[in-house]
């Protein structure tokens, strides 16, 4: 019986994985056509600039103005132009403006936040819920995290530390350092493994434990991390860790056919197609990798005029045979459902 189970179980497992992958693919395609949230406004792109359209009236609310779009934000429309974020509430139309530090930050079990500046103070804004913000009492050049601990790098070459669960005040303020590393070390004297934060780059090397209690300090202005590890090797030895990361995937479901000055886009398996006048091809949103949301990006239709290299993008409500695109641009492009 055990031999039989050993033969059958791997087959059942492989079948389960196969079915799960296909179910996820089918659900993704269905969600592409039918799974839209009920916000009032939607972003669109016309001739390489982004604006806002009313999804009901298809009237242009904000003309094509912004250089880039950030669909990573889930409950607001976020646009980027030069060094500023423009957050547009999808229901009320209220706009908020922040200076963009161009720095996405992953906080463990809290999601992706973006480092912005408002009134000369840094703020982290959640990509999943705009109202979730972490405010700081000073402006930082950059911010980084280890798990849910936050480190802010000041303009005066010092580092502030905020511990998990309390972001209102600095647990460590103005640590005299320009760099830090989170490192697993072996404490030779006490013969145990310790998780440490190593601050360095100015007058001293500071070694803190995982609770930010000072373990050791060494007088050195060394800024080469490999040499730092050599300097502390008499007391601590680095423990090598194997880390694995998951990659992102993407699929293209659009078919393109150019004929007699008209381009037709269609999708296999669906009774759906649309046409646009001119010689077009499918494209991808030309956005910073920081602003992409892989879950959302597959739901956009992106087309590029081959001659002019101008890009146009929008979402489609297949159920109601509607482009979420201003009427006047539909008319200019001769964009039609077939």
Protein backbone atom coordinates (compact mmCIF):
# COMPACT_ATOMS: atom_id res chain seq x y z
CA UNK A 1 0.00 0.00 0.00
CA UNK A 2 2.83 2.43 0.88
CA UNK A 3 4.49 1.83 -2.50
CA UNK A 4 1.17 2.54 -4.25
CA UNK A 5 0.72 5.78 -2.29
CA UNK A 6 4.28 6.84 -3.13
CA UNK A 7 3.42 6.47 -6.81
CA UNK A 8 0.00 8.14 -6.70
CA UNK A 9 0.67 11.15 -4.43
CA UNK A 10 3.17 12.91 -6.76
CA UNK A 11 0.68 12.53 -9.65
CA UNK A 12 -2.12 14.04 -7.54
CA UNK A 13 0.15 16.92 -6.48
CA UNK A 14 1.18 17.69 -10.09
CA UNK A 15 -2.48 17.60 -11.18
CA UNK A 16 -3.42 19.96 -8.37
CA UNK A 17 -0.72 22.46 -9.40
CA UNK A 18 -1.80 22.24 -13.06
CA UNK A 19 -5.46 22.89 -12.20
CA UNK A 20 -4.58 25.79 -9.88
CA UNK A 21 -2.48 27.51 -12.55
CA UNK A 22 -5.24 27.22 -15.14
CA UNK A 23 -7.94 28.39 -12.72
CA UNK A 24 -5.84 31.46 -11.86
CA UNK A 25 -5.33 32.22 -15.57
CA UNK A 26 -9.06 31.93 -16.32
CA UNK A 27 -9.99 34.12 -13.35
CA UNK A 28 -7.43 36.73 -14.42
CA UNK A 29 -8.91 36.96 -17.92
CA UNK A 30 -12.47 37.15 -16.58
CA UNK A 31 -11.42 39.85 -14.14
CA UNK A 32 -9.81 41.73 -17.02
CA UNK A 33 -13.18 42.10 -18.71
CA UNK A 34 -15.67 42.21 -15.85
CA UNK A 35 -13.88 42.87 -12.58
CA UNK A 36 -13.70 46.67 -12.37
CA UNK A 37 -14.18 48.59 -9.15
CA UNK A 38 -16.90 51.21 -9.13
CA UNK A 39 -14.87 54.39 -8.92
CA UNK A 40 -16.23 57.48 -10.64
CA UNK A 41 -13.02 58.51 -12.38
CA UNK A 42 -10.38 56.73 -14.45
CA UNK A 43 -6.95 57.65 -15.79
CA UNK A 44 -6.21 57.66 -19.50
CA UNK A 45 -3.32 58.55 -21.79
CA UNK A 46 -3.41 60.64 -24.95
CA UNK A 47 -0.29 61.44 -26.97
CA UNK A 48 2.02 60.38 -24.14
CA UNK A 49 0.33 62.52 -21.47
CA UNK A 50 -2.06 61.30 -18.75
CA UNK A 51 -5.38 62.80 -17.68
CA UNK A 52 -8.66 61.87 -15.95
CA UNK A 53 -11.99 60.86 -17.49
CA UNK A 54 -15.46 60.56 -15.90
CA UNK A 55 -16.36 56.89 -16.40
CA UNK A 56 -20.09 57.61 -16.63
CA UNK A 57 -20.27 60.68 -18.87
CA UNK A 58 -16.91 60.01 -20.59
CA UNK A 59 -16.20 63.71 -20.25
CA UNK A 60 -12.61 64.81 -19.77
CA UNK A 61 -12.11 65.95 -16.16
CA UNK A 62 -8.37 66.60 -16.27
CA UNK A 63 -6.82 67.09 -19.73
CA UNK A 64 -3.68 65.12 -20.69
CA UNK A 65 -1.21 66.88 -18.41
CA UNK A 66 1.00 64.51 -16.48
CA UNK A 67 4.15 62.79 -17.70
CA UNK A 68 3.56 59.50 -15.91
CA UNK A 69 0.96 57.42 -14.11
CA UNK A 70 1.40 55.27 -10.97
CA UNK A 71 -1.22 52.48 -10.94
CA UNK A 72 0.50 50.92 -7.94
CA UNK A 73 -1.77 53.11 -5.79
CA UNK A 74 -5.02 51.22 -5.40
CA UNK A 75 -7.62 53.69 -4.10
CA UNK A 76 -6.48 56.95 -5.71
CA UNK A 77 -5.33 57.95 -9.18
CA UNK A 78 -1.66 58.85 -8.81
CA UNK A 79 0.22 60.85 -11.43
CA UNK A 80 3.85 61.91 -11.54
CA UNK A 81 5.21 65.03 -13.18
CA UNK A 82 8.77 66.19 -12.67
CA UNK A 83 9.38 65.79 -8.92
CA UNK A 84 5.77 65.76 -7.71
CA UNK A 85 3.03 63.22 -7.01
CA UNK A 86 -0.52 64.30 -7.84
CA UNK A 87 -3.04 62.12 -5.99
CA UNK A 88 -6.56 62.32 -7.39
CA UNK A 89 -9.40 60.82 -5.33
CA UNK A 90 -11.31 58.41 -7.58
CA UNK A 91 -14.65 59.28 -6.01
CA UNK A 92 -14.48 62.93 -4.96
CA UNK A 93 -11.96 64.32 -7.42
CA UNK A 94 -9.95 66.02 -4.65
CA UNK A 95 -6.26 66.43 -5.56
CA UNK A 96 -3.33 66.25 -3.11
CA UNK A 97 0.22 67.19 -4.10
CA UNK A 98 3.43 65.84 -2.53
CA UNK A 99 7.10 66.04 -3.48
CA UNK A 100 8.15 62.62 -4.80
CA UNK A 101 11.40 61.18 -3.47
CA UNK A 102 11.17 58.45 -6.13
CA UNK A 103 11.65 55.86 -3.40
CA UNK A 104 9.31 52.90 -2.88
CA UNK A 105 9.71 51.18 0.48
CA UNK A 106 8.56 47.70 1.42
CA UNK A 107 7.55 47.45 5.08
CA UNK A 108 7.26 43.85 6.23
CA UNK A 109 3.60 42.71 6.48
CA UNK A 110 2.45 46.30 5.89
CA UNK A 111 2.96 46.58 2.15
CA UNK A 112 4.58 49.09 -0.19
CA UNK A 113 4.89 52.72 0.87
CA UNK A 114 6.27 55.70 -1.04
CA UNK A 115 8.57 58.30 0.47
CA UNK A 116 7.18 61.80 -0.11
CA UNK A 117 7.72 65.23 1.38
CA UNK A 118 5.06 67.68 2.54
CA UNK A 119 5.74 70.97 4.37
CA UNK A 120 9.45 70.10 4.64
CA UNK A 121 8.72 66.85 6.49
CA UNK A 122 8.91 63.28 5.24
CA UNK A 123 5.82 61.09 5.01
CA UNK A 124 5.35 57.49 3.90
CA UNK A 125 2.15 56.90 1.89
CA UNK A 126 0.67 53.41 1.56
CA UNK A 127 0.10 52.19 -2.00
CA UNK A 128 -2.90 50.08 -0.91
CA UNK A 129 -4.73 52.73 1.13
CA UNK A 130 -3.97 56.41 0.63
CA UNK A 131 -5.20 57.36 4.12
CA UNK A 132 -2.54 55.09 5.68
CA UNK A 133 0.40 57.43 6.18
CA UNK A 134 3.41 57.51 8.48
CA UNK A 135 4.43 61.06 9.36
CA UNK A 136 7.87 62.16 10.55
CA UNK A 137 8.92 65.36 12.31
CA UNK A 138 11.81 66.07 9.94
CA UNK A 139 12.73 65.67 6.29
CA UNK A 140 14.92 62.73 5.29
CA UNK A 141 17.12 62.36 2.24
CA UNK A 142 16.12 58.72 2.05
CA UNK A 143 14.36 56.10 4.13
CA UNK A 144 14.89 52.37 4.38
CA UNK A 145 13.45 49.55 6.47
CA UNK A 146 14.38 46.26 8.05
CA UNK A 147 11.24 44.28 8.76
CA UNK A 148 9.04 46.96 10.43
CA UNK A 149 11.89 49.10 11.73
CA UNK A 150 12.46 52.34 9.84
CA UNK A 151 15.73 54.21 9.31
CA UNK A 152 15.77 57.83 8.14
CA UNK A 153 18.94 59.33 6.65
CA UNK A 154 19.29 63.05 7.41
CA UNK A 155 20.93 65.83 5.41
CA UNK A 156 23.62 66.09 8.11
CA UNK A 157 24.88 62.51 7.63
CA UNK A 158 23.19 60.92 10.61
CA UNK A 159 20.57 58.19 10.92
CA UNK A 160 17.35 58.12 12.95
CA UNK A 161 15.78 54.81 13.98
CA UNK A 162 12.06 54.17 14.51
CA UNK A 163 11.14 50.84 16.09
CA UNK A 164 8.27 48.64 15.02
CA UNK A 165 4.96 49.79 16.44
CA UNK A 166 6.09 53.31 17.38
CA UNK A 167 6.78 55.66 14.49
CA UNK A 168 5.94 58.86 16.40
CA UNK A 169 9.36 59.32 18.01
CA UNK A 170 12.89 58.28 17.20
CA UNK A 171 14.15 55.35 19.27
CA UNK A 172 17.68 56.35 18.24
CA UNK A 173 18.25 59.91 17.06
CA UNK A 174 21.16 61.23 15.01
CA UNK A 175 23.33 58.12 15.09
CA UNK A 176 26.66 59.41 13.74
CA UNK A 177 26.89 57.28 10.61
CA UNK A 178 26.32 57.46 6.88
CA UNK A 179 25.64 53.75 6.28
CA UNK A 180 24.17 50.77 8.08
CA UNK A 181 23.76 47.05 7.44
CA UNK A 182 21.48 44.46 8.99
CA UNK A 183 23.69 41.45 9.57
CA UNK A 184 23.52 37.98 11.16
CA UNK A 185 26.69 37.53 13.18
CA UNK A 186 28.18 34.90 15.43
CA UNK A 187 29.18 36.36 18.80
CA UNK A 188 32.50 34.59 19.47
CA UNK A 189 32.75 35.52 23.15
CA UNK A 190 29.22 34.44 24.06
CA UNK A 191 29.10 31.66 21.45
CA UNK A 192 25.69 32.52 19.99
CA UNK A 193 24.11 33.94 16.86
CA UNK A 194 22.90 37.53 17.00
CA UNK A 195 20.94 39.71 14.58
CA UNK A 196 22.65 43.08 14.45
CA UNK A 197 22.50 46.56 12.97
CA UNK A 198 25.95 47.87 12.05
CA UNK A 199 26.23 51.66 11.64
CA UNK A 200 29.43 53.04 10.12
CA UNK A 201 31.04 55.59 7.80
CA UNK A 202 31.97 58.40 10.20
CA UNK A 203 34.09 58.32 13.39
CA UNK A 204 32.93 55.01 14.87
CA UNK A 205 31.45 51.62 14.06
CA UNK A 206 28.37 50.96 16.19
CA UNK A 207 26.95 47.45 16.58
CA UNK A 208 23.39 47.22 17.94
CA UNK A 209 21.35 44.12 18.65
CA UNK A 210 17.92 43.52 17.09
CA UNK A 211 16.30 45.66 19.83
CA UNK A 212 18.75 48.52 19.12
CA UNK A 213 20.69 48.07 22.34
CA UNK A 214 24.36 48.92 21.86
CA UNK A 215 26.61 45.83 21.85
CA UNK A 216 29.91 47.35 20.85
CA UNK A 217 31.59 50.39 19.31
CA UNK A 218 34.94 50.59 17.53
CA UNK A 219 36.79 53.80 16.66
CA UNK A 220 37.05 53.77 12.86
CA UNK A 221 35.96 55.96 9.96
CA UNK A 222 36.10 53.04 7.54
CA UNK A 223 33.30 53.07 4.92
CA UNK A 224 34.15 49.87 3.01
CA UNK A 225 31.79 47.24 4.42
CA UNK A 226 34.08 44.31 3.61
CA UNK A 227 36.79 45.98 5.66
CA UNK A 228 34.26 46.65 8.44
CA UNK A 229 33.64 42.90 8.71
CA UNK A 230 37.41 42.36 8.90
CA UNK A 231 37.72 44.95 11.69
CA UNK A 232 35.08 43.25 13.85
CA UNK A 233 36.21 39.69 13.00
CA UNK A 234 37.92 39.29 16.39
CA UNK A 235 34.55 39.55 18.13
CA UNK A 236 31.96 38.70 15.47
CA UNK A 237 31.89 36.42 12.47
CA UNK A 238 29.45 36.87 9.58
CA UNK A 239 26.91 34.08 9.08
CA UNK A 240 26.13 33.49 5.41
CA UNK A 241 22.43 33.33 4.53
CA UNK A 242 20.73 31.98 1.41
CA UNK A 243 17.97 34.25 0.19
CA UNK A 244 15.46 33.49 -2.54
CA UNK A 245 13.13 35.93 -4.29
CA UNK A 246 10.07 35.40 -6.42
CA UNK A 247 9.96 36.87 -9.92
CA UNK A 248 7.08 38.65 -11.59
CA UNK A 249 5.27 37.20 -14.60
CA UNK A 250 3.25 38.80 -17.37
CA UNK A 251 1.18 37.67 -20.37
CA UNK A 252 -0.04 39.45 -23.47
CA UNK A 253 -3.55 38.43 -24.58
CA UNK A 254 -4.06 40.84 -27.48
CA UNK A 255 -4.04 39.98 -31.20
CA UNK A 256 -3.30 42.78 -33.71
CA UNK A 257 -4.29 42.97 -37.38
CA UNK A 258 -3.45 45.89 -39.69
CA UNK A 259 -5.45 46.22 -42.91
CA UNK A 260 -6.27 49.17 -45.24
CA UNK A 261 -5.25 51.82 -42.75
CA UNK A 262 -7.25 50.30 -39.89
CA UNK A 263 -5.88 48.33 -36.93
CA UNK A 264 -8.08 45.73 -35.23
CA UNK A 265 -7.39 44.42 -31.72
CA UNK A 266 -9.01 41.19 -30.52
CA UNK A 267 -8.70 38.56 -27.77
CA UNK A 268 -8.73 34.79 -28.28
CA UNK A 269 -11.71 33.09 -26.71
CA UNK A 270 -13.83 36.24 -26.39
CA UNK A 271 -16.38 37.69 -28.80
CA UNK A 272 -14.75 41.07 -28.56
CA UNK A 273 -12.68 43.38 -30.74
CA UNK A 274 -12.16 47.06 -31.42
CA UNK A 275 -10.59 49.11 -34.20
CA UNK A 276 -8.59 52.32 -34.49
CA UNK A 277 -7.68 54.28 -37.59
CA UNK A 278 -4.00 54.12 -38.49
CA UNK A 279 -1.12 51.73 -38.16
CA UNK A 280 -0.95 50.71 -34.50
CA UNK A 281 0.59 47.94 -32.45
CA UNK A 282 0.12 46.76 -28.87
CA UNK A 283 2.51 48.23 -26.34
CA UNK A 284 3.20 48.40 -22.62
CA UNK A 285 2.88 51.33 -20.27
CA UNK A 286 6.15 53.26 -20.30
CA UNK A 287 6.27 53.80 -16.57
CA UNK A 288 8.93 53.64 -13.91
CA UNK A 289 9.18 50.14 -12.45
CA UNK A 290 8.55 51.77 -9.07
CA UNK A 291 5.02 52.78 -10.06
CA UNK A 292 3.83 49.55 -11.65
CA UNK A 293 1.24 47.27 -10.13
CA UNK A 294 1.41 43.92 -11.89
CA UNK A 295 -2.12 43.03 -10.77
CA UNK A 296 -3.49 46.17 -12.42
CA UNK A 297 -1.21 46.61 -15.41
CA UNK A 298 -2.63 43.65 -17.36
CA UNK A 299 -6.05 45.34 -17.32
CA UNK A 300 -4.89 48.27 -19.43
CA UNK A 301 -5.10 48.40 -23.20
CA UNK A 302 -1.99 50.15 -24.50
CA UNK A 303 -1.62 50.95 -28.19
CA UNK A 304 1.16 52.79 -30.03
CA UNK A 305 1.03 54.55 -33.38
CA UNK A 306 3.90 52.99 -35.32
CA UNK A 307 4.57 56.14 -37.38
CA UNK A 308 4.37 58.79 -34.63
CA UNK A 309 5.42 56.55 -31.70
CA UNK A 310 2.64 58.19 -29.65
CA UNK A 311 1.06 55.97 -26.97
CA UNK A 312 -2.59 55.82 -25.93
CA UNK A 313 -3.99 53.74 -23.09
CA UNK A 314 -7.31 53.14 -21.39
CA UNK A 315 -9.48 50.53 -19.71
CA UNK A 316 -12.49 48.83 -21.29
CA UNK A 317 -15.89 47.90 -19.84
CA UNK A 318 -16.67 44.92 -22.07
CA UNK A 319 -20.03 44.24 -20.44
CA UNK A 320 -21.32 47.63 -21.56
CA UNK A 321 -19.12 47.86 -24.67
CA UNK A 322 -17.53 51.08 -23.42
CA UNK A 323 -14.07 52.60 -23.53
CA UNK A 324 -13.11 54.48 -20.37
CA UNK A 325 -11.75 57.23 -22.60
CA UNK A 326 -12.93 60.79 -23.31
CA UNK A 327 -15.38 60.91 -26.20
CA UNK A 328 -13.45 63.60 -28.05
CA UNK A 329 -10.32 61.41 -28.18
CA UNK A 330 -12.36 58.39 -29.28
CA UNK A 331 -13.59 60.54 -32.14
CA UNK A 332 -10.11 61.80 -33.07
CA UNK A 333 -8.68 58.26 -33.08
CA UNK A 334 -11.82 56.78 -34.68
CA UNK A 335 -11.84 54.24 -31.84
CA UNK A 336 -14.75 51.83 -32.28
CA UNK A 337 -16.13 48.62 -30.81
CA UNK A 338 -16.74 45.93 -33.44
